[in-house]
Amino acid sequence: MHYCLCIYEPRGDNGLEGFLLNSIYKYEKKKDSQGFYYRIFPIFGYDYYETCGPNVFKKHFKEVM
């Protein structure tokens, strides 16, 4: 598991919600038949996650660990 910093609040962009500016979130980088994507967990301690592609991830998040 890795961590990222929210650098730009999605506010529903690309279906991402629940992420606050300057907050840190867990994420996983995954790969399927269509390529790489990210699972980002908006609430620590829960298995719920939202997904996005690499370009959307880079727009809204910065890897920190």
N, C-alpha and C. Protein backbone atom coordinates (compact mmCIF):
# COMPACT_ATOMS: atom_id res chain seq x y z
N MET A 1 0.86 -1.18 0.00
CA MET A 1 0.00 0.00 0.00
C MET A 1 0.90 1.23 0.00
N HIS A 2 0.47 2.24 -0.73
CA HIS A 2 1.21 3.48 -0.84
C HIS A 2 0.31 4.63 -0.39
N TYR A 3 0.90 5.82 -0.27
CA TYR A 3 0.15 6.99 0.16
C TYR A 3 0.33 8.13 -0.82
N CYS A 4 -0.72 8.95 -0.93
CA CYS A 4 -0.67 10.11 -1.83
C CYS A 4 -1.29 11.32 -1.13
N LEU A 5 -0.92 12.49 -1.61
CA LEU A 5 -1.42 13.76 -1.10
C LEU A 5 -2.37 14.34 -2.13
N CYS A 6 -3.53 14.80 -1.70
CA CYS A 6 -4.47 15.43 -2.62
C CYS A 6 -3.98 16.86 -2.89
N ILE A 7 -3.65 17.14 -4.16
CA ILE A 7 -3.14 18.46 -4.53
C ILE A 7 -4.18 19.30 -5.27
N TYR A 8 -5.30 18.68 -5.63
CA TYR A 8 -6.38 19.38 -6.32
C TYR A 8 -7.66 18.59 -6.07
N GLU A 9 -8.60 19.17 -5.35
CA GLU A 9 -9.84 18.44 -4.99
C GLU A 9 -10.64 18.07 -6.23
N PRO A 10 -10.99 16.80 -6.38
CA PRO A 10 -11.76 16.37 -7.55
C PRO A 10 -13.18 16.93 -7.59
N ARG A 11 -13.88 16.97 -6.46
CA ARG A 11 -15.26 17.46 -6.38
C ARG A 11 -16.15 16.89 -7.48
N GLY A 12 -16.03 15.58 -7.68
CA GLY A 12 -16.87 14.90 -8.66
C GLY A 12 -16.23 14.72 -10.02
N ASP A 13 -15.10 15.39 -10.28
CA ASP A 13 -14.42 15.20 -11.57
C ASP A 13 -14.08 13.74 -11.77
N ASN A 14 -14.41 13.23 -12.93
CA ASN A 14 -14.12 11.83 -13.28
C ASN A 14 -14.68 10.84 -12.26
N GLY A 15 -15.74 11.23 -11.57
CA GLY A 15 -16.40 10.35 -10.62
C GLY A 15 -15.74 10.28 -9.25
N LEU A 16 -14.69 11.06 -9.01
CA LEU A 16 -14.00 11.05 -7.72
C LEU A 16 -14.65 12.03 -6.76
N GLU A 17 -14.97 11.55 -5.56
CA GLU A 17 -15.56 12.39 -4.53
C GLU A 17 -15.01 12.00 -3.17
N GLY A 18 -15.06 12.94 -2.23
CA GLY A 18 -14.67 12.63 -0.86
C GLY A 18 -13.21 12.86 -0.54
N PHE A 19 -12.48 13.53 -1.41
CA PHE A 19 -11.07 13.80 -1.20
C PHE A 19 -10.87 15.29 -0.92
N LEU A 20 -10.11 15.59 0.13
CA LEU A 20 -9.89 16.97 0.56
C LEU A 20 -8.47 17.41 0.26
N LEU A 21 -8.33 18.66 -0.12
CA LEU A 21 -7.04 19.25 -0.42
C LEU A 21 -6.09 19.09 0.77
N ASN A 22 -4.85 18.77 0.49
CA ASN A 22 -3.77 18.61 1.48
C ASN A 22 -3.99 17.46 2.46
N SER A 23 -4.85 16.52 2.11
CA SER A 23 -5.06 15.33 2.93
C SER A 23 -4.34 14.15 2.28
N ILE A 24 -3.94 13.20 3.12
CA ILE A 24 -3.21 12.03 2.64
C ILE A 24 -4.14 10.82 2.60
N TYR A 25 -4.01 10.04 1.53
CA TYR A 25 -4.86 8.87 1.31
C TYR A 25 -4.03 7.68 0.91
N LYS A 26 -4.53 6.49 1.24
CA LYS A 26 -3.92 5.26 0.77
C LYS A 26 -4.32 5.05 -0.69
N TYR A 27 -3.41 4.43 -1.46
CA TYR A 27 -3.76 4.07 -2.83
C TYR A 27 -3.01 2.82 -3.25
N GLU A 28 -3.53 2.18 -4.29
CA GLU A 28 -2.88 1.03 -4.90
C GLU A 28 -2.83 1.26 -6.40
N LYS A 29 -1.74 0.89 -7.02
CA LYS A 29 -1.65 0.94 -8.48
C LYS A 29 -1.92 -0.47 -8.99
N LYS A 30 -2.86 -0.61 -9.89
CA LYS A 30 -3.29 -1.91 -10.39
C LYS A 30 -3.15 -1.95 -11.91
N LYS A 31 -3.22 -3.15 -12.44
CA LYS A 31 -3.18 -3.32 -13.89
C LYS A 31 -4.21 -4.35 -14.29
N ASP A 32 -4.94 -4.05 -15.36
CA ASP A 32 -5.88 -5.02 -15.93
C ASP A 32 -5.63 -5.09 -17.43
N SER A 33 -6.53 -5.69 -18.16
CA SER A 33 -6.34 -5.86 -19.60
C SER A 33 -6.32 -4.54 -20.37
N GLN A 34 -6.84 -3.48 -19.76
CA GLN A 34 -6.86 -2.16 -20.43
C GLN A 34 -5.70 -1.27 -20.01
N GLY A 35 -4.89 -1.71 -19.07
CA GLY A 35 -3.72 -0.93 -18.65
C GLY A 35 -3.74 -0.65 -17.15
N PHE A 36 -2.97 0.36 -16.75
CA PHE A 36 -2.86 0.71 -15.34
C PHE A 36 -4.00 1.60 -14.88
N TYR A 37 -4.36 1.47 -13.61
CA TYR A 37 -5.33 2.35 -12.97
C TYR A 37 -5.01 2.41 -11.49
N TYR A 38 -5.64 3.33 -10.78
CA TYR A 38 -5.38 3.53 -9.36
C TYR A 38 -6.65 3.31 -8.55
N ARG A 39 -6.48 2.68 -7.39
CA ARG A 39 -7.54 2.58 -6.38
C ARG A 39 -7.14 3.52 -5.25
N ILE A 40 -8.00 4.47 -4.94
CA ILE A 40 -7.71 5.43 -3.89
C ILE A 40 -8.78 5.28 -2.81
N PHE A 41 -8.35 5.18 -1.56
CA PHE A 41 -9.23 4.92 -0.44
C PHE A 41 -9.52 6.22 0.31
N PRO A 42 -10.72 6.80 0.15
CA PRO A 42 -11.02 8.09 0.76
C PRO A 42 -11.16 8.05 2.28
N ILE A 43 -11.41 6.87 2.86
CA ILE A 43 -11.61 6.77 4.31
C ILE A 43 -10.68 5.69 4.85
N PHE A 44 -9.75 6.07 5.74
CA PHE A 44 -8.84 5.09 6.35
C PHE A 44 -9.63 4.05 7.12
N GLY A 45 -9.20 2.81 7.03
CA GLY A 45 -9.83 1.74 7.78
C GLY A 45 -11.00 1.08 7.07
N TYR A 46 -11.37 1.56 5.91
CA TYR A 46 -12.49 0.96 5.15
C TYR A 46 -11.97 0.41 3.83
N ASP A 47 -12.62 -0.62 3.32
CA ASP A 47 -12.22 -1.22 2.06
C ASP A 47 -12.77 -0.50 0.84
N TYR A 48 -13.57 0.54 1.07
CA TYR A 48 -14.15 1.29 -0.05
C TYR A 48 -13.06 2.09 -0.77
N TYR A 49 -13.09 2.06 -2.10
CA TYR A 49 -12.13 2.83 -2.88
C TYR A 49 -12.80 3.38 -4.13
N GLU A 50 -12.17 4.39 -4.70
CA GLU A 50 -12.60 4.94 -5.98
C GLU A 50 -11.46 4.74 -6.96
N THR A 51 -11.76 4.63 -8.23
CA THR A 51 -10.73 4.34 -9.22
C THR A 51 -10.59 5.48 -10.23
N CYS A 52 -9.38 5.56 -10.78
CA CYS A 52 -9.13 6.53 -11.85
C CYS A 52 -7.90 6.08 -12.64
N GLY A 53 -7.73 6.66 -13.80
CA GLY A 53 -6.57 6.37 -14.63
C GLY A 53 -5.37 7.22 -14.22
N PRO A 54 -4.21 6.93 -14.82
CA PRO A 54 -2.98 7.63 -14.46
C PRO A 54 -3.03 9.15 -14.64
N ASN A 55 -3.63 9.64 -15.70
CA ASN A 55 -3.67 11.09 -15.94
C ASN A 55 -4.53 11.81 -14.90
N VAL A 56 -5.64 11.22 -14.55
CA VAL A 56 -6.52 11.81 -13.53
C VAL A 56 -5.82 11.77 -12.17
N PHE A 57 -5.15 10.65 -11.87
CA PHE A 57 -4.41 10.54 -10.61
C PHE A 57 -3.38 11.66 -10.50
N LYS A 58 -2.60 11.86 -11.54
CA LYS A 58 -1.53 12.89 -11.51
C LYS A 58 -2.10 14.30 -11.40
N LYS A 59 -3.30 14.52 -11.89
CA LYS A 59 -3.92 15.84 -11.79
C LYS A 59 -4.33 16.16 -10.36
N HIS A 60 -4.81 15.15 -9.64
CA HIS A 60 -5.39 15.37 -8.32
C HIS A 60 -4.52 14.93 -7.14
N PHE A 61 -3.55 14.06 -7.38
CA PHE A 61 -2.78 13.48 -6.29
C PHE A 61 -1.28 13.47 -6.59
N LYS A 62 -0.49 13.46 -5.52
CA LYS A 62 0.97 13.38 -5.61
C LYS A 62 1.42 12.25 -4.70
N GLU A 63 2.22 11.35 -5.23
CA GLU A 63 2.74 10.24 -4.41
C GLU A 63 3.65 10.79 -3.32
N VAL A 64 3.47 10.33 -2.08
CA VAL A 64 4.31 10.80 -0.99
C VAL A 64 5.08 9.68 -0.30
N MET A 65 4.63 8.44 -0.38
CA MET A 65 5.34 7.30 0.23
C MET A 65 5.08 6.06 -0.59
